[in-house]
Protein backbone atom coordinates (compact mmCIF):
# COMPACT_ATOMS: atom_id res chain seq x y z
CA MET A 1 -14.81 -71.42 -13.33
CA ILE A 2 -14.45 -71.29 -9.58
CA PRO A 3 -10.67 -70.64 -9.70
CA PHE A 4 -11.31 -67.86 -12.25
CA LEU A 5 -13.93 -66.26 -10.02
CA LEU A 6 -11.63 -66.52 -7.04
CA MET A 7 -8.82 -64.90 -9.03
CA LEU A 8 -11.18 -62.14 -10.23
CA ALA A 9 -12.35 -61.54 -6.67
CA ALA A 10 -8.73 -61.34 -5.51
CA VAL A 11 -7.90 -58.81 -8.25
CA ILE A 12 -10.94 -56.69 -7.37
CA ALA A 13 -10.11 -56.85 -3.67
CA GLY A 14 -6.52 -55.86 -4.42
CA CYS A 15 -7.64 -52.90 -6.55
CA GLU A 16 -10.09 -51.87 -3.85
CA LEU A 17 -7.43 -52.06 -1.17
CA TRP A 18 -4.96 -50.14 -3.36
CA SER A 19 -7.53 -47.42 -4.09
CA LEU A 20 -8.26 -47.01 -0.40
CA ARG A 21 -4.59 -46.72 0.51
CA ARG A 22 -2.97 -45.15 -2.55
CA GLY A 23 -5.83 -43.63 -4.51
CA LEU A 24 -4.74 -40.06 -3.79
CA ASP A 25 -1.03 -40.60 -4.41
CA GLY A 26 0.31 -37.82 -6.61
CA VAL A 27 -2.45 -35.39 -5.60
CA GLU A 28 -1.17 -32.13 -4.11
CA TYR A 29 -3.03 -29.33 -2.32
CA ASP A 30 -2.08 -25.69 -1.82
CA LEU A 31 -3.84 -22.57 -0.59
CA ARG A 32 -3.13 -18.86 -1.09
CA LEU A 33 -4.90 -15.82 0.23
CA SER A 34 -5.31 -12.69 -1.89
CA LYS A 35 -3.97 -10.56 1.00
CA PRO A 36 -2.26 -11.47 4.28
CA VAL A 37 -3.48 -8.30 6.07
CA ALA A 38 -6.90 -6.79 5.42
CA GLU A 39 -9.72 -4.68 6.82
CA ALA A 40 -12.86 -6.08 8.41
CA ASN A 41 -15.49 -6.98 5.78
CA GLU A 42 -13.01 -6.33 2.96
CA PRO A 43 -13.66 -8.61 -0.08
CA LEU A 44 -10.94 -11.30 -0.20
CA GLN A 45 -10.23 -14.46 -2.16
CA MET A 46 -9.12 -17.89 -1.02
CA ILE A 47 -7.27 -19.51 -3.92
CA THR A 48 -7.23 -23.31 -3.73
CA VAL A 49 -4.93 -25.26 -6.07
CA ILE A 50 -5.24 -29.06 -6.47
CA THR A 51 -2.72 -30.80 -8.72
CA ASN A 52 -2.97 -34.34 -10.10
CA ARG A 53 0.56 -35.38 -11.04
CA ARG A 54 -0.39 -38.90 -12.13
CA ARG A 55 -1.51 -40.16 -15.52
CA ARG A 56 -4.72 -41.33 -13.98
CA PHE A 57 -8.28 -40.03 -14.13
CA LEU A 58 -9.82 -39.21 -10.75
CA PRO A 59 -13.59 -39.37 -11.10
CA PHE A 60 -14.41 -38.01 -7.64
CA ILE A 61 -12.63 -35.88 -5.04
CA ARG A 62 -14.32 -34.33 -2.03
CA LEU A 63 -12.49 -31.35 -0.55
CA ASN A 64 -12.99 -30.33 3.10
CA GLU A 65 -10.93 -27.22 3.83
CA ASN A 66 -10.19 -26.35 7.46
CA VAL A 67 -11.02 -22.64 7.73
CA PRO A 68 -11.76 -20.24 10.62
CA ASP A 69 -15.34 -20.11 11.81
CA GLY A 70 -17.05 -16.78 11.17
CA MET A 71 -15.87 -16.26 7.61
CA VAL A 72 -18.61 -14.97 5.32
CA THR A 73 -18.84 -16.81 2.00
CA ALA A 74 -21.40 -18.18 -0.43
CA GLY A 75 -19.70 -21.59 -0.33
CA ASP A 76 -20.81 -24.71 1.55
CA LEU A 77 -19.52 -23.79 5.01
CA ARG A 78 -20.30 -26.05 7.97
CA ALA A 79 -19.26 -25.76 11.61
CA GLU A 80 -16.71 -28.36 12.65
CA ASP A 81 -15.30 -27.42 16.07
CA ILE A 82 -17.22 -24.74 17.97
CA LYS A 83 -14.76 -24.70 20.87
CA ASN A 84 -11.75 -23.95 18.63
CA GLN A 85 -13.84 -21.87 16.21
CA ARG A 86 -13.13 -24.03 13.16
CA ALA A 87 -15.33 -24.76 10.15
CA LEU A 88 -15.21 -26.87 6.97
CA LEU A 89 -15.56 -25.40 3.50
CA ARG A 90 -16.79 -28.27 1.34
CA GLY A 91 -16.59 -28.92 -2.38
CA THR A 92 -16.29 -31.71 -4.95
CA ALA A 93 -14.38 -32.09 -8.21
CA TYR A 94 -13.05 -34.58 -10.74
CA MET A 95 -9.58 -34.39 -12.27
CA MET A 96 -8.08 -35.40 -15.57
CA PRO A 97 -4.53 -36.80 -15.75
CA ARG A 98 -1.83 -34.18 -15.13
CA GLN A 99 -4.45 -31.53 -14.43
CA ARG A 100 -4.13 -28.53 -12.12
CA LEU A 101 -7.44 -27.29 -10.75
CA THR A 102 -7.72 -23.76 -9.32
CA ARG A 103 -10.77 -22.69 -7.32
CA ARG A 104 -11.33 -19.11 -6.15
CA THR A 105 -13.64 -18.57 -3.21
CA ASP A 106 -14.79 -15.05 -2.36
CA PHE A 107 -15.05 -14.37 1.36
CA SER A 108 -14.65 -11.75 4.06
CA MET A 109 -14.03 -11.67 7.80
CA PRO A 110 -16.28 -9.40 9.86
CA ARG A 111 -14.12 -9.11 12.99
CA ARG A 112 -10.60 -8.07 13.91
CA GLY A 113 -8.14 -10.81 14.74
CA ARG A 114 -5.64 -13.38 13.53
CA TYR A 115 -7.17 -16.24 11.56
CA LEU A 116 -5.56 -19.53 10.51
CA PHE A 117 -6.33 -21.64 7.44
CA LEU A 118 -5.09 -25.12 8.33
CA GLY A 119 -5.09 -27.15 5.13
CA ALA A 120 -7.69 -29.67 4.04
CA THR A 121 -8.80 -33.27 3.98
CA LEU A 122 -9.20 -34.80 0.52
CA GLU A 123 -11.43 -37.82 0.00
CA GLY A 124 -11.04 -39.84 -3.19
CA GLY A 125 -13.56 -42.39 -4.45
CA ASP A 126 -12.54 -46.04 -4.06
CA PHE A 127 -12.29 -48.58 -6.89
CA MET A 128 -15.72 -50.10 -6.32
CA GLY A 129 -17.50 -46.83 -5.57
CA LEU A 130 -18.55 -48.01 -2.12
CA GLY A 131 -16.75 -45.38 -0.05
CA THR A 132 -14.02 -42.80 0.05
CA ALA A 133 -10.36 -42.80 1.01
CA PRO A 134 -9.39 -39.68 3.06
CA ARG A 135 -5.99 -38.01 3.12
CA SER A 136 -4.95 -35.08 5.29
CA MET A 137 -3.18 -32.18 3.55
CA PRO A 138 -1.83 -30.00 6.40
CA LEU A 139 -0.56 -26.48 5.87
CA SER A 140 -0.88 -23.14 7.63
CA ARG A 141 -1.82 -19.78 6.17
CA GLU A 142 -2.72 -16.80 8.31
CA LEU A 143 -4.85 -13.72 7.79
CA VAL A 144 -4.73 -10.66 10.03
CA ILE A 145 -7.78 -8.38 10.17
CA LEU A 146 -7.03 -4.87 11.42
CA PRO A 147 -9.10 -3.01 14.02
CA PRO A 148 -11.47 -0.49 12.41
CA PRO A 149 -10.61 3.21 12.83
CA ILE A 150 -12.83 5.46 14.92
CA PRO A 151 -14.86 8.20 13.19
CA PRO A 152 -12.75 11.29 12.32
CA GLU A 153 -15.00 13.59 14.36
CA ASP A 154 -14.37 11.49 17.48
CA LEU A 155 -10.63 11.67 16.90
CA ARG A 156 -10.71 15.45 16.47
CA ARG A 157 -12.66 15.80 19.70
CA LEU A 158 -10.21 13.61 21.61
CA MET A 159 -6.95 14.95 20.18
CA GLY A 160 -7.72 18.37 18.72
CA GLY A 161 -6.22 20.52 21.48
CA TRP A 162 -3.25 18.24 22.06
CA LEU A 163 -2.39 18.02 18.35
CA GLY A 164 -2.74 21.79 18.06
CA GLU A 165 -0.17 22.33 20.79
CA ARG A 166 2.24 19.92 19.11
CA SER A 167 1.84 21.73 15.78
CA VAL A 168 2.52 25.12 17.39
CA ASN A 169 5.60 23.80 19.19
CA ARG A 170 6.90 22.46 15.91
CA PHE A 171 7.34 25.98 14.54
CA ILE A 172 9.05 27.60 17.52
CA MET A 173 12.61 27.00 16.35
CA GLU A 174 14.21 26.97 12.90
CA ASP A 175 16.72 24.31 11.93
CA PRO A 176 19.94 26.05 10.78
CA VAL A 177 20.95 23.04 8.69
CA LEU A 178 17.88 22.67 6.44
CA THR A 179 17.72 25.43 3.84
CA LEU A 180 14.52 25.67 1.82
CA GLY A 181 15.52 28.63 -0.43
CA TYR A 182 16.40 32.31 -0.48
CA ARG A 183 14.59 35.67 -0.34
CA ASP A 184 15.45 39.36 -0.30
CA TYR A 185 16.82 40.90 2.88
CA THR A 186 14.26 43.13 4.65
CA GLY A 187 16.46 44.54 7.43
CA ARG A 188 14.72 42.52 10.17
CA GLU A 189 16.69 39.28 9.73
CA PRO A 190 19.82 38.57 11.82
CA MET A 191 23.15 38.89 10.05
CA LYS A 192 23.82 35.15 10.35
CA GLN A 193 20.95 34.47 7.95
CA ILE A 194 22.51 36.50 5.13
CA SER A 195 23.85 34.34 2.31
CA TRP A 196 26.90 36.22 1.05
CA LYS A 197 27.33 33.85 -1.85
CA GLN A 198 23.81 34.49 -3.14
CA THR A 199 24.19 38.23 -2.39
CA ALA A 200 27.26 38.41 -4.61
CA ARG A 201 25.65 36.38 -7.37
CA LEU A 202 22.39 38.36 -7.47
CA ASP A 203 23.92 41.75 -6.59
CA ARG A 204 21.40 42.31 -3.78
CA MET A 205 21.17 41.36 -0.13
CA THR A 206 19.74 37.84 0.18
CA VAL A 207 18.89 35.71 3.23
CA ARG A 208 18.38 32.01 3.67
CA CYS A 209 14.89 30.51 4.29
CA GLN A 210 15.30 27.59 6.66
CA ASP A 211 13.04 24.72 7.62
CA TYR A 212 11.58 24.37 11.09
CA THR A 213 12.39 21.78 13.69
CA VAL A 214 10.22 18.71 13.14
CA GLU A 215 11.81 16.01 15.28
CA ARG A 216 9.39 16.24 18.20
CA THR A 217 8.61 12.59 18.71
CA VAL A 218 5.60 10.95 20.33
CA THR A 219 5.28 7.68 22.24
CA VAL A 220 1.89 5.99 21.95
CA MET A 221 1.24 3.74 24.96
CA LEU A 222 -1.48 1.07 24.73
CA ASN A 223 -2.49 -0.79 27.88
CA ALA A 224 -4.16 -4.22 27.82
CA ASN A 225 -3.81 -5.01 31.53
CA THR A 226 -7.25 -3.75 32.48
CA PHE A 227 -9.40 -3.92 35.60
CA THR A 228 -12.42 -4.83 33.47
CA PHE A 229 -13.03 -8.41 32.35
CA GLY A 230 -15.65 -10.45 30.48
CA HIS A 231 -17.52 -9.27 27.42
CA TYR A 232 -17.46 -5.63 28.49
CA GLY A 233 -13.69 -5.71 29.03
CA GLN A 234 -13.20 -7.27 25.59
CA ALA A 235 -15.44 -4.65 23.98
CA MET A 236 -13.48 -1.83 25.64
CA LEU A 237 -10.16 -3.37 24.58
CA GLU A 238 -11.44 -3.55 21.00
CA ARG A 239 -12.36 0.13 21.27
CA ALA A 240 -8.88 0.90 22.61
CA LEU A 241 -7.31 -0.91 19.64
CA SER A 242 -9.37 1.20 17.25
CA LEU A 243 -8.37 4.35 19.11
CA CYS A 244 -4.71 3.37 18.89
CA ARG A 245 -4.97 2.78 15.16
CA SER A 246 -6.57 6.18 14.56
CA VAL A 247 -3.98 7.94 16.74
CA CYS A 248 -1.10 6.36 14.80
CA GLU A 249 -2.68 7.34 11.50
CA ALA A 250 -3.16 10.92 12.74
CA LEU A 251 0.52 11.14 13.68
CA GLU A 252 1.42 9.82 10.23
CA ASP A 253 -0.68 12.57 8.66
CA MET A 254 1.15 15.15 10.82
CA ARG A 255 4.52 13.64 9.83
CA ALA A 256 5.32 13.45 13.53
CA PRO A 257 7.72 10.53 14.28
CA TYR A 258 6.18 8.18 16.82
CA ALA A 259 6.82 4.92 18.66
CA LEU A 260 4.27 2.41 19.92
CA ILE A 261 4.78 0.45 23.12
CA THR A 262 2.19 -1.92 24.54
CA ASN A 263 1.70 -4.85 26.88
CA LEU A 264 -0.66 -6.60 24.48
CA ARG A 265 -0.12 -10.27 23.77
CA CYS A 266 -0.01 -10.62 19.98
CA LEU A 267 -0.62 -14.06 18.50
CA GLY A 268 1.88 -15.26 15.93
CA ALA A 269 4.25 -12.31 16.34
CA PRO A 270 7.76 -13.83 16.19
CA ASP A 271 9.30 -11.28 18.57
CA GLY A 272 6.25 -10.97 20.80
CA PHE A 273 5.57 -7.47 19.40
CA GLY A 274 5.50 -5.18 22.45
CA GLU A 275 7.25 -2.26 20.80
CA VAL A 276 7.62 -0.45 17.47
CA GLY A 277 10.48 2.04 17.46
CA ASP A 278 10.42 5.67 16.36
CA GLY A 279 9.62 6.14 12.71
CA LEU A 280 7.29 7.21 9.95
CA GLY A 281 6.03 5.81 6.68
CA ARG A 282 3.65 3.17 5.39
CA ALA A 283 5.82 0.22 6.43
CA HIS A 284 6.21 1.62 9.96
CA LEU A 285 2.45 2.20 10.26
CA MET A 286 1.57 -1.28 8.96
CA THR A 287 3.96 -2.89 11.46
CA ALA A 288 2.08 -1.17 14.27
CA LEU A 289 -1.38 -1.92 12.83
CA GLU A 290 -0.60 -5.58 12.18
CA GLY A 291 0.44 -5.95 15.82
CA LEU A 292 -2.92 -4.49 16.86
CA GLY A 293 -4.71 -6.92 14.57
CA ARG A 294 -2.91 -9.89 16.13
CA ALA A 295 -3.83 -8.94 19.71
CA ASP A 296 -5.85 -11.30 21.86
CA TYR A 297 -7.51 -10.48 25.18
CA ASP A 298 -4.50 -11.14 27.40
CA PHE A 299 -1.43 -9.10 28.34
CA ARG A 300 2.33 -9.61 28.50
CA ASP A 301 3.29 -7.47 31.51
CA THR A 302 1.85 -5.10 34.06
CA LEU A 303 0.85 -1.47 33.70
CA SER A 304 3.82 -0.45 35.84
CA ASP A 305 6.18 -2.32 33.51
CA LEU A 306 4.62 -0.52 30.55
CA PHE A 307 5.31 2.88 32.14
CA ASP A 308 8.85 1.83 33.04
CA ARG A 309 9.52 1.12 29.37
CA ALA A 310 8.06 4.51 28.42
CA LEU A 311 10.15 6.28 31.07
CA SER A 312 13.33 4.63 29.80
CA ARG A 313 13.03 6.68 26.59
CA ALA A 314 11.26 9.75 28.00
CA ALA A 315 12.98 13.09 27.41
CA PRO A 316 12.04 16.77 27.09
CA GLY A 317 10.21 17.34 23.82
CA ARG A 318 8.78 13.81 23.60
CA GLY A 319 5.01 13.69 23.88
CA HIS A 320 3.05 10.74 25.27
CA ILE A 321 -0.43 9.44 24.46
CA PHE A 322 -1.71 6.83 26.91
CA ILE A 323 -4.64 4.69 25.68
CA THR A 324 -6.40 2.28 28.03
CA PRO A 325 -9.74 0.44 28.13
CA VAL A 326 -11.25 1.90 31.32
CA ARG A 327 -10.77 4.93 33.57
CA ASN A 328 -9.77 2.75 36.55
CA ASP A 329 -6.61 1.75 34.65
CA VAL A 330 -5.18 5.27 34.97
CA HIS A 331 -2.71 5.63 37.84
CA ALA A 332 -2.07 9.25 38.78
CA GLU A 333 1.37 8.44 40.20
CA LEU A 334 2.55 6.87 36.93
CA ILE A 335 1.20 9.79 34.89
CA GLU A 336 3.00 12.20 37.23
CA ARG A 337 6.32 10.39 36.74
CA LEU A 338 5.91 10.69 32.97
CA ARG A 339 5.07 14.39 33.26
CA ASP A 340 8.16 15.05 35.39
CA ALA A 341 10.42 13.23 32.91
CA THR A 342 9.24 15.17 29.84
CA GLY A 343 7.95 18.47 31.15
CA GLU A 344 4.74 17.92 29.15
CA GLU A 345 1.26 16.76 30.07
CA PRO A 346 0.55 13.28 28.64
CA LEU A 347 -2.70 12.86 26.73
CA VAL A 348 -4.83 10.15 28.39
CA ILE A 349 -7.60 8.47 26.36
CA THR A 350 -9.89 5.88 27.94
CA ALA A 351 -12.13 3.75 25.76
CA ASP A 352 -15.09 3.66 28.14
CA THR A 353 -15.35 7.45 28.48
CA ASP A 354 -14.33 8.76 25.05
CA ARG A 355 -17.80 8.60 23.51
């Protein structure tokens, strides 16, 4: 009897040791986000997929997902690391052999920024039911929350006169290459506008209607190297980011090609961000806005360096919009250099005085 009991105890101990070390073998974890770039407080989903690839029943799995602190969800969310702003989203499940379990968690993020979802720790029940065997499942998924736009009435107040001047300048000169159509000759048009081919075809004097010059580009300059620090400085930089977003969207609506240059430090940007070239369109806009969403509260280079980059592409006909957190960031000498290079008055917007 005693040898049998000893053998049984050895088998149980072996099973217990195996369950602690290998109990989660064949279990895989993955995470997807419904959108990689979103607005603040936009409803999102975190899609968790756990796969059991073994022919073995798993009666208990505890899931602790490493998520950014501050996310709003109805799930069991507990603070883990206050310093690094991390939290644990907890849950439990059981799995049948060869089963794939998908869990969808509704959540939102209330603030702008770049957020990382860093995998999970799975804990499987041991053979004797006395404890759990943890296993780390590292991965990295990121979510970028864009800065909110400013109210339209604030934007009209800040940019109304400047945008009006740009619109008027757009229609000063016709482009002789772009022909929109034809109309009857009135006697006031210059001879070079007469289309002799259309005149012969229609048997009446006809002139070309041509499009107007539209390639009057704009450089949007966003400064993050501010004289103001602490919570107030961060609040003003957030306001400047929102202003920059609304300005870019207004230029998109005008169909005015624009570039964005900045000395922001953008987390996770492979090329460091810093500049978005001249362009238009949804993809161009989202490239600029995603860079704003990734910004932290530090800067890459000085204000003088930022103006040097702007001056390197400055030319007559190119407008400039300079956005900065506080009035003390505005250097009259740098603004004057930009004015001399373009022949136009730059529009200066400061976050602490625009309201």
